[in-house]
Amino acid sequence: MPKEDLVTMEGKVSEVLPNGNFRVDVNGHTILAYTSGNIRRNKIKIIEDDRVSVEVSPYDLTRGRITYRFK
């Protein structure tokens, strides 16, 4: 899927799950998100209540990929 088709949203991590998965609250909805390879490679830690940027496919709005953690 081309990058132009992805929807980028900003949310807050509500729960940390095993294996690099997170529950992210975005505009009143909950998304199950995983960390992108760039975040894993640079060992960026994401904890509860962090603001993150999530890329979501327009076909499945319940799953996404965390691409950025705001400071």
PDB file of N, CA and C in Angstrom:
ATOM      1  N   MET A   1       0.838  -1.173   0.000  1.00  0.00           N
ATOM      2  CA  MET A   1       0.000   0.000   0.000  1.00  0.00           C
ATOM      3  C   MET A   1       0.886   1.240   0.000  1.00  0.00           C
ATOM      4  N   PRO A   2       0.626   2.181  -0.887  1.00  0.00           N
ATOM      5  CA  PRO A   2       1.428   3.412  -0.907  1.00  0.00           C
ATOM      6  C   PRO A   2       1.217   4.235   0.362  1.00  0.00           C
ATOM      7  N   LYS A   3       2.235   5.017   0.737  1.00  0.00           N
ATOM      8  CA  LYS A   3       2.151   5.825   1.947  1.00  0.00           C
ATOM      9  C   LYS A   3       1.073   6.894   1.850  1.00  0.00           C
ATOM     10  N   GLU A   4       0.702   7.299   0.639  1.00  0.00           N
ATOM     11  CA  GLU A   4      -0.300   8.352   0.496  1.00  0.00           C
ATOM     12  C   GLU A   4      -1.671   7.896   0.982  1.00  0.00           C
ATOM     13  N   ASP A   5      -1.915   6.584   0.998  1.00  0.00           N
ATOM     14  CA  ASP A   5      -3.220   6.070   1.393  1.00  0.00           C
ATOM     15  C   ASP A   5      -3.402   5.988   2.897  1.00  0.00           C
ATOM     16  N   LEU A   6      -2.332   6.108   3.674  1.00  0.00           N
ATOM     17  CA  LEU A   6      -2.429   5.992   5.122  1.00  0.00           C
ATOM     18  C   LEU A   6      -2.957   7.281   5.739  1.00  0.00           C
ATOM     19  N   VAL A   7      -3.723   7.127   6.820  1.00  0.00           N
ATOM     20  CA  VAL A   7      -4.266   8.257   7.565  1.00  0.00           C
ATOM     21  C   VAL A   7      -3.414   8.434   8.815  1.00  0.00           C
ATOM     22  N   THR A   8      -2.870   9.626   9.028  1.00  0.00           N
ATOM     23  CA  THR A   8      -2.040   9.899  10.203  1.00  0.00           C
ATOM     24  C   THR A   8      -2.877  10.605  11.256  1.00  0.00           C
ATOM     25  N   MET A   9      -2.871  10.041  12.470  1.00  0.00           N
ATOM     26  CA  MET A   9      -3.634  10.600  13.585  1.00  0.00           C
ATOM     27  C   MET A   9      -2.706  10.777  14.781  1.00  0.00           C
ATOM     28  N   GLU A  10      -3.132  11.628  15.706  1.00  0.00           N
ATOM     29  CA  GLU A  10      -2.374  11.844  16.932  1.00  0.00           C
ATOM     30  C   GLU A  10      -3.208  11.371  18.100  1.00  0.00           C
ATOM     31  N   GLY A  11      -2.591  10.594  18.997  1.00  0.00           N
ATOM     32  CA  GLY A  11      -3.335  10.053  20.121  1.00  0.00           C
ATOM     33  C   GLY A  11      -2.471   9.916  21.355  1.00  0.00           C
ATOM     34  N   LYS A  12      -3.044   9.279  22.373  1.00  0.00           N
ATOM     35  CA  LYS A  12      -2.383   9.114  23.660  1.00  0.00           C
ATOM     36  C   LYS A  12      -2.388   7.632  24.018  1.00  0.00           C
ATOM     37  N   VAL A  13      -1.246   7.107  24.443  1.00  0.00           N
ATOM     38  CA  VAL A  13      -1.129   5.696  24.802  1.00  0.00           C
ATOM     39  C   VAL A  13      -1.889   5.461  26.100  1.00  0.00           C
ATOM     40  N   SER A  14      -2.848   4.536  26.058  1.00  0.00           N
ATOM     41  CA  SER A  14      -3.643   4.262  27.252  1.00  0.00           C
ATOM     42  C   SER A  14      -3.221   2.981  27.952  1.00  0.00           C
ATOM     43  N   GLU A  15      -2.612   2.039  27.208  1.00  0.00           N
ATOM     44  CA  GLU A  15      -2.211   0.773  27.814  1.00  0.00           C
ATOM     45  C   GLU A  15      -1.020   0.211  27.037  1.00  0.00           C
ATOM     46  N   VAL A  16      -0.064  -0.346  27.771  1.00  0.00           N
ATOM     47  CA  VAL A  16       1.090  -0.990  27.158  1.00  0.00           C
ATOM     48  C   VAL A  16       0.849  -2.489  27.189  1.00  0.00           C
ATOM     49  N   LEU A  17       0.930  -3.135  26.018  1.00  0.00           N
ATOM     50  CA  LEU A  17       0.694  -4.568  25.884  1.00  0.00           C
ATOM     51  C   LEU A  17       2.013  -5.267  25.553  1.00  0.00           C
ATOM     52  N   PRO A  18       2.068  -6.600  25.667  1.00  0.00           N
ATOM     53  CA  PRO A  18       3.310  -7.310  25.341  1.00  0.00           C
ATOM     54  C   PRO A  18       3.667  -7.220  23.852  1.00  0.00           C
ATOM     55  N   ASN A  19       4.928  -7.511  23.545  1.00  0.00           N
ATOM     56  CA  ASN A  19       5.459  -7.594  22.180  1.00  0.00           C
ATOM     57  C   ASN A  19       5.370  -6.287  21.409  1.00  0.00           C
ATOM     58  N   GLY A  20       5.540  -5.168  22.071  1.00  0.00           N
ATOM     59  CA  GLY A  20       5.570  -3.885  21.368  1.00  0.00           C
ATOM     60  C   GLY A  20       4.226  -3.420  20.859  1.00  0.00           C
ATOM     61  N   ASN A  21       3.146  -3.882  21.464  1.00  0.00           N
ATOM     62  CA  ASN A  21       1.797  -3.436  21.102  1.00  0.00           C
ATOM     63  C   ASN A  21       1.290  -2.450  22.143  1.00  0.00           C
ATOM     64  N   PHE A  22       0.413  -1.549  21.692  1.00  0.00           N
ATOM     65  CA  PHE A  22      -0.122  -0.512  22.573  1.00  0.00           C
ATOM     66  C   PHE A  22      -1.578  -0.265  22.235  1.00  0.00           C
ATOM     67  N   ARG A  23      -2.346   0.159  23.225  1.00  0.00           N
ATOM     68  CA  ARG A  23      -3.689   0.673  22.978  1.00  0.00           C
ATOM     69  C   ARG A  23      -3.575   2.193  22.994  1.00  0.00           C
ATOM     70  N   VAL A  24      -4.039   2.817  21.907  1.00  0.00           N
ATOM     71  CA  VAL A  24      -3.920   4.257  21.747  1.00  0.00           C
ATOM     72  C   VAL A  24      -5.310   4.847  21.615  1.00  0.00           C
ATOM     73  N   ASP A  25      -5.604   5.879  22.411  1.00  0.00           N
ATOM     74  CA  ASP A  25      -6.879   6.591  22.327  1.00  0.00           C
ATOM     75  C   ASP A  25      -6.743   7.726  21.330  1.00  0.00           C
ATOM     76  N   VAL A  26      -7.580   7.685  20.283  1.00  0.00           N
ATOM     77  CA  VAL A  26      -7.564   8.706  19.238  1.00  0.00           C
ATOM     78  C   VAL A  26      -8.993   9.196  19.043  1.00  0.00           C
ATOM     79  N   ASN A  27      -9.252  10.448  19.396  1.00  0.00           N
ATOM     80  CA  ASN A  27     -10.573  11.061  19.200  1.00  0.00           C
ATOM     81  C   ASN A  27     -11.711  10.211  19.753  1.00  0.00           C
ATOM     82  N   GLY A  28     -11.525   9.632  20.931  1.00  0.00           N
ATOM     83  CA  GLY A  28     -12.577   8.844  21.549  1.00  0.00           C
ATOM     84  C   GLY A  28     -12.624   7.395  21.101  1.00  0.00           C
ATOM     85  N   HIS A  29     -11.803   6.989  20.146  1.00  0.00           N
ATOM     86  CA  HIS A  29     -11.742   5.604  19.684  1.00  0.00           C
ATOM     87  C   HIS A  29     -10.451   4.978  20.181  1.00  0.00           C
ATOM     88  N   THR A  30     -10.461   3.645  20.331  1.00  0.00           N
ATOM     89  CA  THR A  30      -9.274   2.924  20.763  1.00  0.00           C
ATOM     90  C   THR A  30      -8.693   2.159  19.587  1.00  0.00           C
ATOM     91  N   ILE A  31      -7.385   2.320  19.366  1.00  0.00           N
ATOM     92  CA  ILE A  31      -6.685   1.669  18.266  1.00  0.00           C
ATOM     93  C   ILE A  31      -5.630   0.750  18.852  1.00  0.00           C
ATOM     94  N   LEU A  32      -5.500  -0.457  18.306  1.00  0.00           N
ATOM     95  CA  LEU A  32      -4.422  -1.356  18.670  1.00  0.00           C
ATOM     96  C   LEU A  32      -3.264  -1.050  17.733  1.00  0.00           C
ATOM     97  N   ALA A  33      -2.139  -0.577  18.289  1.00  0.00           N
ATOM     98  CA  ALA A  33      -1.020  -0.124  17.460  1.00  0.00           C
ATOM     99  C   ALA A  33       0.257  -0.843  17.860  1.00  0.00           C
ATOM    100  N   TYR A  34       1.141  -0.989  16.876  1.00  0.00           N
ATOM    101  CA  TYR A  34       2.456  -1.563  17.115  1.00  0.00           C
ATOM    102  C   TYR A  34       3.511  -0.529  16.747  1.00  0.00           C
ATOM    103  N   THR A  35       4.730  -0.734  17.214  1.00  0.00           N
ATOM    104  CA  THR A  35       5.797   0.232  16.948  1.00  0.00           C
ATOM    105  C   THR A  35       6.407  -0.031  15.577  1.00  0.00           C
ATOM    106  N   SER A  36       6.769   1.030  14.898  1.00  0.00           N
ATOM    107  CA  SER A  36       7.412   0.893  13.590  1.00  0.00           C
ATOM    108  C   SER A  36       8.854   0.437  13.778  1.00  0.00           C
ATOM    109  N   GLY A  37       9.460  -0.032  12.709  1.00  0.00           N
ATOM    110  CA  GLY A  37      10.828  -0.527  12.774  1.00  0.00           C
ATOM    111  C   GLY A  37      11.824   0.542  13.154  1.00  0.00           C
ATOM    112  N   ASN A  38      11.580   1.774  12.738  1.00  0.00           N
ATOM    113  CA  ASN A  38      12.489   2.867  13.057  1.00  0.00           C
ATOM    114  C   ASN A  38      12.510   3.141  14.559  1.00  0.00           C
ATOM    115  N   ILE A  39      11.360   3.052  15.205  1.00  0.00           N
ATOM    116  CA  ILE A  39      11.293   3.264  16.659  1.00  0.00           C
ATOM    117  C   ILE A  39      11.980   2.112  17.383  1.00  0.00           C
ATOM    118  N   ARG A  40      11.776   0.872  16.912  1.00  0.00           N
ATOM    119  CA  ARG A  40      12.442  -0.278  17.528  1.00  0.00           C
ATOM    120  C   ARG A  40      13.953  -0.204  17.334  1.00  0.00           C
ATOM    121  N   ARG A  41      14.391   0.178  16.157  1.00  0.00           N
ATOM    122  CA  ARG A  41      15.813   0.226  15.838  1.00  0.00           C
ATOM    123  C   ARG A  41      16.541   1.258  16.705  1.00  0.00           C
ATOM    124  N   ASN A  42      15.909   2.395  16.961  1.00  0.00           N
ATOM    125  CA  ASN A  42      16.515   3.447  17.772  1.00  0.00           C
ATOM    126  C   ASN A  42      16.215   3.312  19.252  1.00  0.00           C
ATOM    127  N   LYS A  43      15.547   2.228  19.647  1.00  0.00           N
ATOM    128  CA  LYS A  43      15.252   1.899  21.050  1.00  0.00           C
ATOM    129  C   LYS A  43      14.545   3.037  21.768  1.00  0.00           C
ATOM    130  N   ILE A  44      13.545   3.611  21.118  1.00  0.00           N
ATOM    131  CA  ILE A  44      12.756   4.677  21.727  1.00  0.00           C
ATOM    132  C   ILE A  44      11.711   4.040  22.633  1.00  0.00           C
ATOM    133  N   LYS A  45      11.719   4.412  23.890  1.00  0.00           N
ATOM    134  CA  LYS A  45      10.784   3.847  24.858  1.00  0.00           C
ATOM    135  C   LYS A  45       9.457   4.598  24.799  1.00  0.00           C
ATOM    136  N   ILE A  46       8.373   3.855  24.780  1.00  0.00           N
ATOM    137  CA  ILE A  46       7.031   4.440  24.810  1.00  0.00           C
ATOM    138  C   ILE A  46       6.353   3.915  26.061  1.00  0.00           C
ATOM    139  N   ILE A  47       5.868   4.834  26.886  1.00  0.00           N
ATOM    140  CA  ILE A  47       5.189   4.447  28.116  1.00  0.00           C
ATOM    141  C   ILE A  47       3.765   5.002  28.094  1.00  0.00           C
ATOM    142  N   GLU A  48       3.006   4.643  29.101  1.00  0.00           N
ATOM    143  CA  GLU A  48       1.627   5.095  29.210  1.00  0.00           C
ATOM    144  C   GLU A  48       1.568   6.622  29.292  1.00  0.00           C
ATOM    145  N   ASP A  49       0.537   7.209  28.712  1.00  0.00           N
ATOM    146  CA  ASP A  49       0.267   8.653  28.687  1.00  0.00           C
ATOM    147  C   ASP A  49       1.194   9.424  27.754  1.00  0.00           C
ATOM    148  N   ASP A  50       1.970   8.754  26.900  1.00  0.00           N
ATOM    149  CA  ASP A  50       2.771   9.444  25.889  1.00  0.00           C
ATOM    150  C   ASP A  50       1.880   9.853  24.721  1.00  0.00           C
ATOM    151  N   ARG A  51       2.179  11.013  24.128  1.00  0.00           N
ATOM    152  CA  ARG A  51       1.503  11.428  22.894  1.00  0.00           C
ATOM    153  C   ARG A  51       2.258  10.828  21.722  1.00  0.00           C
ATOM    154  N   VAL A  52       1.551  10.170  20.813  1.00  0.00           N
ATOM    155  CA  VAL A  52       2.192   9.510  19.683  1.00  0.00           C
ATOM    156  C   VAL A  52       1.447   9.830  18.394  1.00  0.00           C
ATOM    157  N   SER A  53       2.138   9.644  17.291  1.00  0.00           N
ATOM    158  CA  SER A  53       1.544   9.762  15.963  1.00  0.00           C
ATOM    159  C   SER A  53       1.324   8.354  15.428  1.00  0.00           C
ATOM    160  N   VAL A  54       0.118   8.076  14.941  1.00  0.00           N
ATOM    161  CA  VAL A  54      -0.259   6.734  14.494  1.00  0.00           C
ATOM    162  C   VAL A  54      -0.695   6.784  13.039  1.00  0.00           C
ATOM    163  N   GLU A  55      -0.167   5.875  12.224  1.00  0.00           N
ATOM    164  CA  GLU A  55      -0.626   5.719  10.849  1.00  0.00           C
ATOM    165  C   GLU A  55      -1.656   4.603  10.818  1.00  0.00           C
ATOM    166  N   VAL A  56      -2.815   4.887  10.233  1.00  0.00           N
ATOM    167  CA  VAL A  56      -3.918   3.934  10.194  1.00  0.00           C
ATOM    168  C   VAL A  56      -4.331   3.715   8.751  1.00  0.00           C
ATOM    169  N   SER A  57      -4.612   2.475   8.407  1.00  0.00           N
ATOM    170  CA  SER A  57      -5.101   2.162   7.068  1.00  0.00           C
ATOM    171  C   SER A  57      -6.567   2.579   6.968  1.00  0.00           C
ATOM    172  N   PRO A  58      -6.986   3.122   5.829  1.00  0.00           N
ATOM    173  CA  PRO A  58      -8.397   3.493   5.698  1.00  0.00           C
ATOM    174  C   PRO A  58      -9.327   2.278   5.644  1.00  0.00           C
ATOM    175  N   TYR A  59      -8.776   1.090   5.438  1.00  0.00           N
ATOM    176  CA  TYR A  59      -9.595  -0.122   5.353  1.00  0.00           C
ATOM    177  C   TYR A  59      -9.894  -0.719   6.712  1.00  0.00           C
ATOM    178  N   ASP A  60      -8.973  -0.577   7.678  1.00  0.00           N
ATOM    179  CA  ASP A  60      -9.178  -1.106   9.028  1.00  0.00           C
ATOM    180  C   ASP A  60      -8.763  -0.023  10.020  1.00  0.00           C
ATOM    181  N   LEU A  61      -9.739   0.680  10.561  1.00  0.00           N
ATOM    182  CA  LEU A  61      -9.467   1.823  11.442  1.00  0.00           C
ATOM    183  C   LEU A  61      -9.210   1.415  12.888  1.00  0.00           C
ATOM    184  N   THR A  62      -9.136   0.110  13.172  1.00  0.00           N
ATOM    185  CA  THR A  62      -8.910  -0.332  14.548  1.00  0.00           C
ATOM    186  C   THR A  62      -7.465  -0.743  14.793  1.00  0.00           C
ATOM    187  N   ARG A  63      -6.622  -0.779  13.754  1.00  0.00           N
ATOM    188  CA  ARG A  63      -5.228  -1.174  13.904  1.00  0.00           C
ATOM    189  C   ARG A  63      -4.334  -0.133  13.242  1.00  0.00           C
ATOM    190  N   GLY A  64      -3.148   0.074  13.821  1.00  0.00           N
ATOM    191  CA  GLY A  64      -2.255   1.077  13.261  1.00  0.00           C
ATOM    192  C   GLY A  64      -0.809   0.847  13.645  1.00  0.00           C
ATOM    193  N   ARG A  65       0.043   1.787  13.208  1.00  0.00           N
ATOM    194  CA  ARG A  65       1.479   1.710  13.459  1.00  0.00           C
ATOM    195  C   ARG A  65       1.940   3.035  14.054  1.00  0.00           C
ATOM    196  N   ILE A  66       2.647   2.962  15.177  1.00  0.00           N
ATOM    197  CA  ILE A  66       3.169   4.157  15.830  1.00  0.00           C
ATOM    198  C   ILE A  66       4.442   4.573  15.094  1.00  0.00           C
ATOM    199  N   THR A  67       4.450   5.806  14.597  1.00  0.00           N
ATOM    200  CA  THR A  67       5.591   6.270  13.820  1.00  0.00           C
ATOM    201  C   THR A  67       6.391   7.366  14.522  1.00  0.00           C
ATOM    202  N   TYR A  68       5.834   8.008  15.548  1.00  0.00           N
ATOM    203  CA  TYR A  68       6.543   9.093  16.211  1.00  0.00           C
ATOM    204  C   TYR A  68       6.045   9.246  17.636  1.00  0.00           C
ATOM    205  N   ARG A  69       6.985   9.517  18.571  1.00  0.00           N
ATOM    206  CA  ARG A  69       6.618   9.821  19.960  1.00  0.00           C
ATOM    207  C   ARG A  69       6.979  11.273  20.220  1.00  0.00           C
ATOM    208  N   PHE A  70       5.979  12.059  20.618  1.00  0.00           N
ATOM    209  CA  PHE A  70       6.206  13.470  20.900  1.00  0.00           C
ATOM    210  C   PHE A  70       6.881  13.629  22.242  1.00  0.00           C
ATOM    211  N   LYS A  71       7.674  14.690  22.413  1.00  0.00           N
ATOM    212  CA  LYS A  71       8.407  14.911  23.649  1.00  0.00           C
ATOM    213  C   LYS A  71       7.555  15.550  24.709  1.00  0.00           C
TER     214      LYS A  71
END
